[in-house]
Amino acid sequence: MITLWAMTDRLLALIEEVQAAQEALVRALATLGEAMEFNRSARAEGRPVADLFSDGPGPDARRRARDAWSRLNGALHAYRTEAIRTLVDDEGWSLASAARLTGNARQVVSRLYHHAEPAG
C-alpha cells in the first residue's frame, strides 16, 4: 500500500522539477536578452547580419532558451498528470470533479489521467 507521504513525495519531486525548469528558463531568457542587446548594438554600428551569427551569442542563446522552454513544458505536463492521477486514484475524485476543480475541460483531465504513470 502506498502511504500518503509516498504520494506527496512523488508530487513534491515533480513540483521541484517544475521550479528547477522555471529557474533555468529565467536564466536562459536573460542570456537571450544579452544576446539580443549584442545584436542590436552590432547592427546599430552597421555590422553585417552575418557577423551577428558568426561573432554573436544569439544562435546558442536561442537554442538554450528553446531547450529550457521545452524542459519547463515537459515538467509542467508531468506535474499536471501526477496531480490529476493523485486526485482521482488516491483522493477519490471523479474526472468530472477534478476538471471542475482545476478549471480544465473533462476531456483534458481525462487525457492527463490516462497519460499518468501508475502509482507505485
PDB file of N, CA and C in Angstrom:
ATOM      1  N   MET A   1       0.839  -1.188   0.000  1.00  0.00           N
ATOM      2  CA  MET A   1       0.000   0.000   0.000  1.00  0.00           C
ATOM      3  C   MET A   1       0.881   1.249   0.000  1.00  0.00           C
ATOM      4  N   ILE A   2       0.467   2.238  -0.753  1.00  0.00           N
ATOM      5  CA  ILE A   2       1.211   3.491  -0.829  1.00  0.00           C
ATOM      6  C   ILE A   2       0.755   4.390   0.310  1.00  0.00           C
ATOM      7  N   THR A   3       1.720   4.953   0.995  1.00  0.00           N
ATOM      8  CA  THR A   3       1.391   5.872   2.080  1.00  0.00           C
ATOM      9  C   THR A   3       1.163   7.266   1.513  1.00  0.00           C
ATOM     10  N   LEU A   4       0.492   8.108   2.305  1.00  0.00           N
ATOM     11  CA  LEU A   4       0.272   9.482   1.883  1.00  0.00           C
ATOM     12  C   LEU A   4       1.603  10.171   1.636  1.00  0.00           C
ATOM     13  N   TRP A   5       2.616   9.883   2.468  1.00  0.00           N
ATOM     14  CA  TRP A   5       3.930  10.510   2.287  1.00  0.00           C
ATOM     15  C   TRP A   5       4.535  10.127   0.939  1.00  0.00           C
ATOM     16  N   ALA A   6       4.411   8.871   0.547  1.00  0.00           N
ATOM     17  CA  ALA A   6       4.976   8.435  -0.741  1.00  0.00           C
ATOM     18  C   ALA A   6       4.298   9.169  -1.889  1.00  0.00           C
ATOM     19  N   MET A   7       2.970   9.343  -1.783  1.00  0.00           N
ATOM     20  CA  MET A   7       2.247  10.068  -2.832  1.00  0.00           C
ATOM     21  C   MET A   7       2.700  11.526  -2.850  1.00  0.00           C
ATOM     22  N   THR A   8       2.781  12.120  -1.690  1.00  0.00           N
ATOM     23  CA  THR A   8       3.181  13.513  -1.593  1.00  0.00           C
ATOM     24  C   THR A   8       4.605  13.686  -2.077  1.00  0.00           C
ATOM     25  N   ASP A   9       5.475  12.764  -1.715  1.00  0.00           N
ATOM     26  CA  ASP A   9       6.870  12.847  -2.132  1.00  0.00           C
ATOM     27  C   ASP A   9       6.989  12.822  -3.652  1.00  0.00           C
ATOM     28  N   ARG A  10       6.219  11.979  -4.304  1.00  0.00           N
ATOM     29  CA  ARG A  10       6.253  11.898  -5.768  1.00  0.00           C
ATOM     30  C   ARG A  10       5.815  13.226  -6.383  1.00  0.00           C
ATOM     31  N   LEU A  11       4.753  13.813  -5.869  1.00  0.00           N
ATOM     32  CA  LEU A  11       4.280  15.084  -6.376  1.00  0.00           C
ATOM     33  C   LEU A  11       5.261  16.202  -6.040  1.00  0.00           C
ATOM     34  N   LEU A  12       5.838  16.148  -4.850  1.00  0.00           N
ATOM     35  CA  LEU A  12       6.836  17.149  -4.471  1.00  0.00           C
ATOM     36  C   LEU A  12       8.038  17.117  -5.401  1.00  0.00           C
ATOM     37  N   ALA A  13       8.481  15.934  -5.771  1.00  0.00           N
ATOM     38  CA  ALA A  13       9.619  15.818  -6.695  1.00  0.00           C
ATOM     39  C   ALA A  13       9.289  16.481  -8.035  1.00  0.00           C
ATOM     40  N   LEU A  14       8.055  16.318  -8.494  1.00  0.00           N
ATOM     41  CA  LEU A  14       7.655  16.929  -9.757  1.00  0.00           C
ATOM     42  C   LEU A  14       7.531  18.443  -9.623  1.00  0.00           C
ATOM     43  N   ILE A  15       7.049  18.906  -8.480  1.00  0.00           N
ATOM     44  CA  ILE A  15       6.986  20.349  -8.236  1.00  0.00           C
ATOM     45  C   ILE A  15       8.394  20.933  -8.243  1.00  0.00           C
ATOM     46  N   GLU A  16       9.329  20.234  -7.598  1.00  0.00           N
ATOM     47  CA  GLU A  16      10.717  20.702  -7.577  1.00  0.00           C
ATOM     48  C   GLU A  16      11.305  20.753  -8.979  1.00  0.00           C
ATOM     49  N   GLU A  17      10.935  19.803  -9.831  1.00  0.00           N
ATOM     50  CA  GLU A  17      11.417  19.818 -11.220  1.00  0.00           C
ATOM     51  C   GLU A  17      10.827  21.005 -11.981  1.00  0.00           C
ATOM     52  N   VAL A  18       9.562  21.321 -11.754  1.00  0.00           N
ATOM     53  CA  VAL A  18       8.960  22.497 -12.384  1.00  0.00           C
ATOM     54  C   VAL A  18       9.709  23.750 -11.948  1.00  0.00           C
ATOM     55  N   GLN A  19       9.989  23.855 -10.655  1.00  0.00           N
ATOM     56  CA  GLN A  19      10.710  25.027 -10.157  1.00  0.00           C
ATOM     57  C   GLN A  19      12.109  25.123 -10.766  1.00  0.00           C
ATOM     58  N   ALA A  20      12.814  23.996 -10.847  1.00  0.00           N
ATOM     59  CA  ALA A  20      14.160  23.995 -11.431  1.00  0.00           C
ATOM     60  C   ALA A  20      14.100  24.372 -12.908  1.00  0.00           C
ATOM     61  N   ALA A  21      13.117  23.851 -13.621  1.00  0.00           N
ATOM     62  CA  ALA A  21      12.972  24.167 -15.042  1.00  0.00           C
ATOM     63  C   ALA A  21      12.621  25.641 -15.238  1.00  0.00           C
ATOM     64  N   GLN A  22      11.792  26.175 -14.360  1.00  0.00           N
ATOM     65  CA  GLN A  22      11.425  27.596 -14.436  1.00  0.00           C
ATOM     66  C   GLN A  22      12.647  28.468 -14.205  1.00  0.00           C
ATOM     67  N   GLU A  23      13.463  28.119 -13.229  1.00  0.00           N
ATOM     68  CA  GLU A  23      14.681  28.887 -12.955  1.00  0.00           C
ATOM     69  C   GLU A  23      15.656  28.813 -14.127  1.00  0.00           C
ATOM     70  N   ALA A  24      15.761  27.652 -14.743  1.00  0.00           N
ATOM     71  CA  ALA A  24      16.634  27.501 -15.907  1.00  0.00           C
ATOM     72  C   ALA A  24      16.128  28.359 -17.073  1.00  0.00           C
ATOM     73  N   LEU A  25      14.813  28.423 -17.235  1.00  0.00           N
ATOM     74  CA  LEU A  25      14.255  29.247 -18.305  1.00  0.00           C
ATOM     75  C   LEU A  25      14.530  30.729 -18.045  1.00  0.00           C
ATOM     76  N   VAL A  26      14.414  31.159 -16.811  1.00  0.00           N
ATOM     77  CA  VAL A  26      14.705  32.561 -16.478  1.00  0.00           C
ATOM     78  C   VAL A  26      16.150  32.887 -16.843  1.00  0.00           C
ATOM     79  N   ARG A  27      17.065  31.992 -16.487  1.00  0.00           N
ATOM     80  CA  ARG A  27      18.482  32.222 -16.825  1.00  0.00           C
ATOM     81  C   ARG A  27      18.682  32.240 -18.337  1.00  0.00           C
ATOM     82  N   ALA A  28      18.052  31.313 -19.030  1.00  0.00           N
ATOM     83  CA  ALA A  28      18.201  31.245 -20.487  1.00  0.00           C
ATOM     84  C   ALA A  28      17.619  32.490 -21.157  1.00  0.00           C
ATOM     85  N   LEU A  29      16.515  32.988 -20.649  1.00  0.00           N
ATOM     86  CA  LEU A  29      15.928  34.197 -21.225  1.00  0.00           C
ATOM     87  C   LEU A  29      16.789  35.424 -20.953  1.00  0.00           C
ATOM     88  N   ALA A  30      17.432  35.469 -19.798  1.00  0.00           N
ATOM     89  CA  ALA A  30      18.351  36.580 -19.507  1.00  0.00           C
ATOM     90  C   ALA A  30      19.525  36.546 -20.485  1.00  0.00           C
ATOM     91  N   THR A  31      20.056  35.361 -20.739  1.00  0.00           N
ATOM     92  CA  THR A  31      21.152  35.208 -21.693  1.00  0.00           C
ATOM     93  C   THR A  31      20.691  35.588 -23.099  1.00  0.00           C
ATOM     94  N   LEU A  32      19.480  35.210 -23.453  1.00  0.00           N
ATOM     95  CA  LEU A  32      18.932  35.575 -24.758  1.00  0.00           C
ATOM     96  C   LEU A  32      18.784  37.094 -24.861  1.00  0.00           C
ATOM     97  N   GLY A  33      18.357  37.736 -23.782  1.00  0.00           N
ATOM     98  CA  GLY A  33      18.259  39.194 -23.776  1.00  0.00           C
ATOM     99  C   GLY A  33      19.610  39.849 -24.006  1.00  0.00           C
ATOM    100  N   GLU A  34      20.645  39.300 -23.378  1.00  0.00           N
ATOM    101  CA  GLU A  34      22.003  39.822 -23.580  1.00  0.00           C
ATOM    102  C   GLU A  34      22.443  39.627 -25.036  1.00  0.00           C
ATOM    103  N   ALA A  35      22.099  38.490 -25.601  1.00  0.00           N
ATOM    104  CA  ALA A  35      22.453  38.226 -26.997  1.00  0.00           C
ATOM    105  C   ALA A  35      21.743  39.202 -27.931  1.00  0.00           C
ATOM    106  N   MET A  36      20.496  39.477 -27.640  1.00  0.00           N
ATOM    107  CA  MET A  36      19.760  40.420 -28.491  1.00  0.00           C
ATOM    108  C   MET A  36      20.310  41.838 -28.337  1.00  0.00           C
ATOM    109  N   GLU A  37      20.790  42.188 -27.168  1.00  0.00           N
ATOM    110  CA  GLU A  37      21.416  43.501 -26.977  1.00  0.00           C
ATOM    111  C   GLU A  37      22.708  43.579 -27.788  1.00  0.00           C
ATOM    112  N   PHE A  38      23.495  42.481 -27.793  1.00  0.00           N
ATOM    113  CA  PHE A  38      24.696  42.418 -28.639  1.00  0.00           C
ATOM    114  C   PHE A  38      24.308  42.634 -30.099  1.00  0.00           C
ATOM    115  N   ASN A  39      23.279  41.918 -30.548  1.00  0.00           N
ATOM    116  CA  ASN A  39      22.837  42.024 -31.939  1.00  0.00           C
ATOM    117  C   ASN A  39      22.377  43.444 -32.265  1.00  0.00           C
ATOM    118  N   ARG A  40      21.624  44.053 -31.366  1.00  0.00           N
ATOM    119  CA  ARG A  40      21.143  45.408 -31.593  1.00  0.00           C
ATOM    120  C   ARG A  40      22.309  46.380 -31.725  1.00  0.00           C
ATOM    121  N   SER A  41      23.253  46.274 -30.794  1.00  0.00           N
ATOM    122  CA  SER A  41      24.414  47.172 -30.823  1.00  0.00           C
ATOM    123  C   SER A  41      25.248  46.957 -32.078  1.00  0.00           C
ATOM    124  N   ALA A  42      25.490  45.688 -32.406  1.00  0.00           N
ATOM    125  CA  ALA A  42      26.301  45.391 -33.590  1.00  0.00           C
ATOM    126  C   ALA A  42      25.623  45.895 -34.853  1.00  0.00           C
ATOM    127  N   ARG A  43      24.346  45.706 -34.942  1.00  0.00           N
ATOM    128  CA  ARG A  43      23.623  46.150 -36.138  1.00  0.00           C
ATOM    129  C   ARG A  43      23.578  47.676 -36.197  1.00  0.00           C
ATOM    130  N   ALA A  44      23.397  48.323 -35.038  1.00  0.00           N
ATOM    131  CA  ALA A  44      23.381  49.792 -34.993  1.00  0.00           C
ATOM    132  C   ALA A  44      24.728  50.371 -35.421  1.00  0.00           C
ATOM    133  N   GLU A  45      25.808  49.600 -35.203  1.00  0.00           N
ATOM    134  CA  GLU A  45      27.144  50.027 -35.633  1.00  0.00           C
ATOM    135  C   GLU A  45      27.368  49.760 -37.117  1.00  0.00           C
ATOM    136  N   GLY A  46      26.385  49.132 -37.770  1.00  0.00           N
ATOM    137  CA  GLY A  46      26.487  48.872 -39.200  1.00  0.00           C
ATOM    138  C   GLY A  46      27.102  47.531 -39.554  1.00  0.00           C
ATOM    139  N   ARG A  47      27.286  46.671 -38.572  1.00  0.00           N
ATOM    140  CA  ARG A  47      27.870  45.356 -38.882  1.00  0.00           C
ATOM    141  C   ARG A  47      26.887  44.515 -39.692  1.00  0.00           C
ATOM    142  N   PRO A  48      27.416  43.690 -40.601  1.00  0.00           N
ATOM    143  CA  PRO A  48      26.538  42.849 -41.413  1.00  0.00           C
ATOM    144  C   PRO A  48      25.856  41.766 -40.561  1.00  0.00           C
ATOM    145  N   VAL A  49      24.723  41.323 -41.061  1.00  0.00           N
ATOM    146  CA  VAL A  49      23.954  40.290 -40.355  1.00  0.00           C
ATOM    147  C   VAL A  49      24.793  39.034 -40.137  1.00  0.00           C
ATOM    148  N   ALA A  50      25.652  38.701 -41.085  1.00  0.00           N
ATOM    149  CA  ALA A  50      26.492  37.508 -40.936  1.00  0.00           C
ATOM    150  C   ALA A  50      27.318  37.571 -39.653  1.00  0.00           C
ATOM    151  N   ASP A  51      27.751  38.771 -39.270  1.00  0.00           N
ATOM    152  CA  ASP A  51      28.523  38.923 -38.031  1.00  0.00           C
ATOM    153  C   ASP A  51      27.693  38.571 -36.797  1.00  0.00           C
ATOM    154  N   LEU A  52      26.409  38.840 -36.864  1.00  0.00           N
ATOM    155  CA  LEU A  52      25.552  38.521 -35.729  1.00  0.00           C
ATOM    156  C   LEU A  52      25.544  37.018 -35.458  1.00  0.00           C
ATOM    157  N   PHE A  53      25.652  36.244 -36.531  1.00  0.00           N
ATOM    158  CA  PHE A  53      25.655  34.796 -36.383  1.00  0.00           C
ATOM    159  C   PHE A  53      27.048  34.240 -36.109  1.00  0.00           C
ATOM    160  N   SER A  54      28.037  34.811 -36.748  1.00  0.00           N
ATOM    161  CA  SER A  54      29.389  34.254 -36.593  1.00  0.00           C
ATOM    162  C   SER A  54      30.082  34.749 -35.331  1.00  0.00           C
ATOM    163  N   ASP A  55      29.830  35.991 -34.925  1.00  0.00           N
ATOM    164  CA  ASP A  55      30.509  36.566 -33.764  1.00  0.00           C
ATOM    165  C   ASP A  55      29.619  36.658 -32.528  1.00  0.00           C
ATOM    166  N   GLY A  56      28.337  36.636 -32.722  1.00  0.00           N
ATOM    167  CA  GLY A  56      27.421  36.885 -31.614  1.00  0.00           C
ATOM    168  C   GLY A  56      26.986  35.625 -30.890  1.00  0.00           C
ATOM    169  N   PRO A  57      26.426  35.814 -29.696  1.00  0.00           N
ATOM    170  CA  PRO A  57      25.959  34.685 -28.893  1.00  0.00           C
ATOM    171  C   PRO A  57      24.528  34.264 -29.224  1.00  0.00           C
ATOM    172  N   GLY A  58      23.909  34.886 -30.201  1.00  0.00           N
ATOM    173  CA  GLY A  58      22.498  34.673 -30.495  1.00  0.00           C
ATOM    174  C   GLY A  58      22.059  33.246 -30.761  1.00  0.00           C
ATOM    175  N   PRO A  59      22.685  32.551 -31.714  1.00  0.00           N
ATOM    176  CA  PRO A  59      22.194  31.203 -32.021  1.00  0.00           C
ATOM    177  C   PRO A  59      22.243  30.260 -30.822  1.00  0.00           C
ATOM    178  N   ASP A  60      23.331  30.281 -30.073  1.00  0.00           N
ATOM    179  CA  ASP A  60      23.425  29.408 -28.900  1.00  0.00           C
ATOM    180  C   ASP A  60      22.423  29.824 -27.834  1.00  0.00           C
ATOM    181  N   ALA A  61      22.263  31.120 -27.635  1.00  0.00           N
ATOM    182  CA  ALA A  61      21.304  31.613 -26.636  1.00  0.00           C
ATOM    183  C   ALA A  61      19.884  31.232 -27.016  1.00  0.00           C
ATOM    184  N   ARG A  62      19.565  31.317 -28.312  1.00  0.00           N
ATOM    185  CA  ARG A  62      18.227  30.933 -28.772  1.00  0.00           C
ATOM    186  C   ARG A  62      17.974  29.452 -28.537  1.00  0.00           C
ATOM    187  N   ARG A  63      18.968  28.615 -28.842  1.00  0.00           N
ATOM    188  CA  ARG A  63      18.813  27.172 -28.625  1.00  0.00           C
ATOM    189  C   ARG A  63      18.628  26.859 -27.144  1.00  0.00           C
ATOM    190  N   ARG A  64      19.410  27.514 -26.302  1.00  0.00           N
ATOM    191  CA  ARG A  64      19.279  27.274 -24.859  1.00  0.00           C
ATOM    192  C   ARG A  64      17.906  27.698 -24.343  1.00  0.00           C
ATOM    193  N   ALA A  65      17.399  28.811 -24.831  1.00  0.00           N
ATOM    194  CA  ALA A  65      16.067  29.261 -24.410  1.00  0.00           C
ATOM    195  C   ALA A  65      15.002  28.274 -24.889  1.00  0.00           C
ATOM    196  N   ARG A  66      15.130  27.811 -26.130  1.00  0.00           N
ATOM    197  CA  ARG A  66      14.179  26.824 -26.661  1.00  0.00           C
ATOM    198  C   ARG A  66      14.218  25.541 -25.840  1.00  0.00           C
ATOM    199  N   ASP A  67      15.426  25.064 -25.512  1.00  0.00           N
ATOM    200  CA  ASP A  67      15.562  23.840 -24.724  1.00  0.00           C
ATOM    201  C   ASP A  67      15.011  24.017 -23.308  1.00  0.00           C
ATOM    202  N   ALA A  68      15.246  25.177 -22.719  1.00  0.00           N
ATOM    203  CA  ALA A  68      14.734  25.444 -21.370  1.00  0.00           C
ATOM    204  C   ALA A  68      13.206  25.512 -21.383  1.00  0.00           C
ATOM    205  N   TRP A  69      12.643  26.121 -22.431  1.00  0.00           N
ATOM    206  CA  TRP A  69      11.187  26.195 -22.567  1.00  0.00           C
ATOM    207  C   TRP A  69      10.601  24.790 -22.709  1.00  0.00           C
ATOM    208  N   SER A  70      11.252  23.959 -23.490  1.00  0.00           N
ATOM    209  CA  SER A  70      10.803  22.579 -23.683  1.00  0.00           C
ATOM    210  C   SER A  70      10.872  21.803 -22.363  1.00  0.00           C
ATOM    211  N   ARG A  71      11.947  21.994 -21.613  1.00  0.00           N
ATOM    212  CA  ARG A  71      12.089  21.330 -20.314  1.00  0.00           C
ATOM    213  C   ARG A  71      10.953  21.757 -19.375  1.00  0.00           C
ATOM    214  N   LEU A  72      10.641  23.048 -19.349  1.00  0.00           N
ATOM    215  CA  LEU A  72       9.564  23.532 -18.488  1.00  0.00           C
ATOM    216  C   LEU A  72       8.225  22.927 -18.914  1.00  0.00           C
ATOM    217  N   ASN A  73       7.957  22.893 -20.202  1.00  0.00           N
ATOM    218  CA  ASN A  73       6.704  22.293 -20.676  1.00  0.00           C
ATOM    219  C   ASN A  73       6.596  20.829 -20.269  1.00  0.00           C
ATOM    220  N   GLY A  74       7.691  20.086 -20.405  1.00  0.00           N
ATOM    221  CA  GLY A  74       7.688  18.681 -20.004  1.00  0.00           C
ATOM    222  C   GLY A  74       7.470  18.513 -18.506  1.00  0.00           C
ATOM    223  N   ALA A  75       8.116  19.356 -17.723  1.00  0.00           N
ATOM    224  CA  ALA A  75       7.965  19.288 -16.271  1.00  0.00           C
ATOM    225  C   ALA A  75       6.535  19.635 -15.862  1.00  0.00           C
ATOM    226  N   LEU A  76       5.958  20.643 -16.493  1.00  0.00           N
ATOM    227  CA  LEU A  76       4.573  21.001 -16.183  1.00  0.00           C
ATOM    228  C   LEU A  76       3.609  19.882 -16.557  1.00  0.00           C
ATOM    229  N   HIS A  77       3.839  19.249 -17.692  1.00  0.00           N
ATOM    230  CA  HIS A  77       2.975  18.133 -18.101  1.00  0.00           C
ATOM    231  C   HIS A  77       3.070  16.985 -17.099  1.00  0.00           C
ATOM    232  N   ALA A  78       4.278  16.639 -16.695  1.00  0.00           N
ATOM    233  CA  ALA A  78       4.444  15.548 -15.721  1.00  0.00           C
ATOM    234  C   ALA A  78       3.763  15.891 -14.396  1.00  0.00           C
ATOM    235  N   TYR A  79       3.910  17.135 -13.964  1.00  0.00           N
ATOM    236  CA  TYR A  79       3.266  17.575 -12.725  1.00  0.00           C
ATOM    237  C   TYR A  79       1.742  17.491 -12.850  1.00  0.00           C
ATOM    238  N   ARG A  80       1.209  18.009 -13.954  1.00  0.00           N
ATOM    239  CA  ARG A  80      -0.246  18.007 -14.134  1.00  0.00           C
ATOM    240  C   ARG A  80      -0.805  16.588 -14.194  1.00  0.00           C
ATOM    241  N   THR A  81      -0.120  15.688 -14.898  1.00  0.00           N
ATOM    242  CA  THR A  81      -0.620  14.311 -14.968  1.00  0.00           C
ATOM    243  C   THR A  81      -0.607  13.655 -13.594  1.00  0.00           C
ATOM    244  N   GLU A  82       0.454  13.878 -12.827  1.00  0.00           N
ATOM    245  CA  GLU A  82       0.530  13.279 -11.489  1.00  0.00           C
ATOM    246  C   GLU A  82      -0.494  13.907 -10.545  1.00  0.00           C
ATOM    247  N   ALA A  83      -0.727  15.202 -10.649  1.00  0.00           N
ATOM    248  CA  ALA A  83      -1.725  15.847  -9.791  1.00  0.00           C
ATOM    249  C   ALA A  83      -3.115  15.282 -10.072  1.00  0.00           C
ATOM    250  N   ILE A  84      -3.453  15.107 -11.350  1.00  0.00           N
ATOM    251  CA  ILE A  84      -4.756  14.532 -11.700  1.00  0.00           C
ATOM    252  C   ILE A  84      -4.834  13.081 -11.240  1.00  0.00           C
ATOM    253  N   ARG A  85      -3.775  12.305 -11.469  1.00  0.00           N
ATOM    254  CA  ARG A  85      -3.777  10.912 -11.026  1.00  0.00           C
ATOM    255  C   ARG A  85      -3.975  10.833  -9.521  1.00  0.00           C
ATOM    256  N   THR A  86      -3.307  11.706  -8.777  1.00  0.00           N
ATOM    257  CA  THR A  86      -3.434  11.713  -7.322  1.00  0.00           C
ATOM    258  C   THR A  86      -4.862  12.057  -6.904  1.00  0.00           C
ATOM    259  N   LEU A  87      -5.443  13.080  -7.530  1.00  0.00           N
ATOM    260  CA  LEU A  87      -6.823  13.434  -7.203  1.00  0.00           C
ATOM    261  C   LEU A  87      -7.766  12.255  -7.416  1.00  0.00           C
ATOM    262  N   VAL A  88      -7.625  11.585  -8.553  1.00  0.00           N
ATOM    263  CA  VAL A  88      -8.558  10.520  -8.918  1.00  0.00           C
ATOM    264  C   VAL A  88      -8.257   9.221  -8.157  1.00  0.00           C
ATOM    265  N   ASP A  89      -7.031   8.739  -8.249  1.00  0.00           N
ATOM    266  CA  ASP A  89      -6.714   7.432  -7.678  1.00  0.00           C
ATOM    267  C   ASP A  89      -6.543   7.450  -6.164  1.00  0.00           C
ATOM    268  N   ASP A  90      -5.902   8.489  -5.645  1.00  0.00           N
ATOM    269  CA  ASP A  90      -5.557   8.488  -4.229  1.00  0.00           C
ATOM    270  C   ASP A  90      -6.549   9.243  -3.359  1.00  0.00           C
ATOM    271  N   GLU A  91      -7.208  10.227  -3.946  1.00  0.00           N
ATOM    272  CA  GLU A  91      -8.116  11.047  -3.145  1.00  0.00           C
ATOM    273  C   GLU A  91      -9.584  10.848  -3.507  1.00  0.00           C
ATOM    274  N   GLY A  92      -9.851   9.981  -4.498  1.00  0.00           N
ATOM    275  CA  GLY A  92     -11.217   9.580  -4.797  1.00  0.00           C
ATOM    276  C   GLY A  92     -12.064  10.556  -5.606  1.00  0.00           C
ATOM    277  N   TRP A  93     -11.451  11.512  -6.266  1.00  0.00           N
ATOM    278  CA  TRP A  93     -12.203  12.450  -7.084  1.00  0.00           C
ATOM    279  C   TRP A  93     -12.593  11.789  -8.406  1.00  0.00           C
ATOM    280  N   SER A  94     -13.730  12.190  -8.944  1.00  0.00           N
ATOM    281  CA  SER A  94     -14.093  11.755 -10.295  1.00  0.00           C
ATOM    282  C   SER A  94     -13.353  12.655 -11.287  1.00  0.00           C
ATOM    283  N   LEU A  95     -13.271  12.199 -12.528  1.00  0.00           N
ATOM    284  CA  LEU A  95     -12.630  13.028 -13.554  1.00  0.00           C
ATOM    285  C   LEU A  95     -13.394  14.338 -13.744  1.00  0.00           C
ATOM    286  N   ALA A  96     -14.717  14.266 -13.704  1.00  0.00           N
ATOM    287  CA  ALA A  96     -15.524  15.484 -13.866  1.00  0.00           C
ATOM    288  C   ALA A  96     -15.279  16.459 -12.718  1.00  0.00           C
ATOM    289  N   SER A  97     -15.200  15.945 -11.500  1.00  0.00           N
ATOM    290  CA  SER A  97     -14.946  16.820 -10.346  1.00  0.00           C
ATOM    291  C   SER A  97     -13.539  17.408 -10.413  1.00  0.00           C
ATOM    292  N   ALA A  98     -12.579  16.589 -10.826  1.00  0.00           N
ATOM    293  CA  ALA A  98     -11.199  17.085 -10.966  1.00  0.00           C
ATOM    294  C   ALA A  98     -11.134  18.165 -12.042  1.00  0.00           C
ATOM    295  N   ALA A  99     -11.912  17.994 -13.104  1.00  0.00           N
ATOM    296  CA  ALA A  99     -11.956  19.003 -14.167  1.00  0.00           C
ATOM    297  C   ALA A  99     -12.511  20.318 -13.629  1.00  0.00           C
ATOM    298  N   ARG A 100     -13.594  20.238 -12.875  1.00  0.00           N
ATOM    299  CA  ARG A 100     -14.168  21.459 -12.297  1.00  0.00           C
ATOM    300  C   ARG A 100     -13.180  22.120 -11.335  1.00  0.00           C
ATOM    301  N   LEU A 101     -12.531  21.322 -10.506  1.00  0.00           N
ATOM    302  CA  LEU A 101     -11.579  21.850  -9.528  1.00  0.00           C
ATOM    303  C   LEU A 101     -10.419  22.578 -10.210  1.00  0.00           C
ATOM    304  N   THR A 102      -9.883  21.994 -11.274  1.00  0.00           N
ATOM    305  CA  THR A 102      -8.696  22.539 -11.935  1.00  0.00           C
ATOM    306  C   THR A 102      -9.029  23.558 -13.015  1.00  0.00           C
ATOM    307  N   GLY A 103     -10.309  23.667 -13.371  1.00  0.00           N
ATOM    308  CA  GLY A 103     -10.696  24.619 -14.398  1.00  0.00           C
ATOM    309  C   GLY A 103     -10.373  24.161 -15.807  1.00  0.00           C
ATOM    310  N   ASN A 104     -10.254  22.861 -15.988  1.00  0.00           N
ATOM    311  CA  ASN A 104      -9.975  22.286 -17.301  1.00  0.00           C
ATOM    312  C   ASN A 104     -11.194  21.541 -17.811  1.00  0.00           C
ATOM    313  N   ALA A 105     -11.255  21.363 -19.129  1.00  0.00           N
ATOM    314  CA  ALA A 105     -12.319  20.542 -19.715  1.00  0.00           C
ATOM    315  C   ALA A 105     -12.130  19.093 -19.252  1.00  0.00           C
ATOM    316  N   ARG A 106     -13.249  18.379 -19.115  1.00  0.00           N
ATOM    317  CA  ARG A 106     -13.173  16.994 -18.678  1.00  0.00           C
ATOM    318  C   ARG A 106     -12.314  16.152 -19.627  1.00  0.00           C
ATOM    319  N   GLN A 107     -12.378  16.458 -20.926  1.00  0.00           N
ATOM    320  CA  GLN A 107     -11.572  15.718 -21.898  1.00  0.00           C
ATOM    321  C   GLN A 107     -10.083  15.931 -21.649  1.00  0.00           C
ATOM    322  N   VAL A 108      -9.689  17.144 -21.279  1.00  0.00           N
ATOM    323  CA  VAL A 108      -8.285  17.440 -20.981  1.00  0.00           C
ATOM    324  C   VAL A 108      -7.851  16.651 -19.755  1.00  0.00           C
ATOM    325  N   VAL A 109      -8.676  16.670 -18.720  1.00  0.00           N
ATOM    326  CA  VAL A 109      -8.353  15.946 -17.486  1.00  0.00           C
ATOM    327  C   VAL A 109      -8.281  14.444 -17.755  1.00  0.00           C
ATOM    328  N   SER A 110      -9.184  13.944 -18.578  1.00  0.00           N
ATOM    329  CA  SER A 110      -9.159  12.522 -18.921  1.00  0.00           C
ATOM    330  C   SER A 110      -7.871  12.161 -19.645  1.00  0.00           C
ATOM    331  N   ARG A 111      -7.446  13.011 -20.581  1.00  0.00           N
ATOM    332  CA  ARG A 111      -6.187  12.766 -21.304  1.00  0.00           C
ATOM    333  C   ARG A 111      -5.003  12.786 -20.351  1.00  0.00           C
ATOM    334  N   LEU A 112      -4.974  13.767 -19.448  1.00  0.00           N
ATOM    335  CA  LEU A 112      -3.885  13.830 -18.465  1.00  0.00           C
ATOM    336  C   LEU A 112      -3.876  12.578 -17.597  1.00  0.00           C
ATOM    337  N   TYR A 113      -5.036  12.180 -17.139  1.00  0.00           N
ATOM    338  CA  TYR A 113      -5.157  11.000 -16.279  1.00  0.00           C
ATOM    339  C   TYR A 113      -4.633   9.752 -16.986  1.00  0.00           C
ATOM    340  N   HIS A 114      -4.989   9.592 -18.227  1.00  0.00           N
ATOM    341  CA  HIS A 114      -4.578   8.380 -18.953  1.00  0.00           C
ATOM    342  C   HIS A 114      -3.109   8.405 -19.373  1.00  0.00           C
ATOM    343  N   HIS A 115      -2.456   9.567 -19.281  1.00  0.00           N
ATOM    344  CA  HIS A 115      -1.016   9.654 -19.545  1.00  0.00           C
ATOM    345  C   HIS A 115      -0.186   9.517 -18.282  1.00  0.00           C
ATOM    346  N   ALA A 116      -0.835   9.509 -17.141  1.00  0.00           N
ATOM    347  CA  ALA A 116      -0.110   9.446 -15.862  1.00  0.00           C
ATOM    348  C   ALA A 116       0.487   8.055 -15.666  1.00  0.00           C
ATOM    349  N   GLU A 117       1.624   8.041 -14.993  1.00  0.00           N
ATOM    350  CA  GLU A 117       2.231   6.763 -14.620  1.00  0.00           C
ATOM    351  C   GLU A 117       1.465   6.190 -13.434  1.00  0.00           C
ATOM    352  N   PRO A 118       1.261   4.878 -13.409  1.00  0.00           N
ATOM    353  CA  PRO A 118       0.569   4.293 -12.269  1.00  0.00           C
ATOM    354  C   PRO A 118       1.326   4.527 -10.968  1.00  0.00           C
ATOM    355  N   ALA A 119       0.580   4.646  -9.896  1.00  0.00           N
ATOM    356  CA  ALA A 119       1.226   4.810  -8.590  1.00  0.00           C
ATOM    357  C   ALA A 119       1.980   3.532  -8.241  1.00  0.00           C
ATOM    358  N   GLY A 120       3.030   3.726  -7.469  1.00  0.00           N
ATOM    359  CA  GLY A 120       3.736   2.527  -7.016  1.00  0.00           C
ATOM    360  C   GLY A 120       5.154   2.506  -7.278  1.00  0.00           C
TER     361      GLY A 120
END
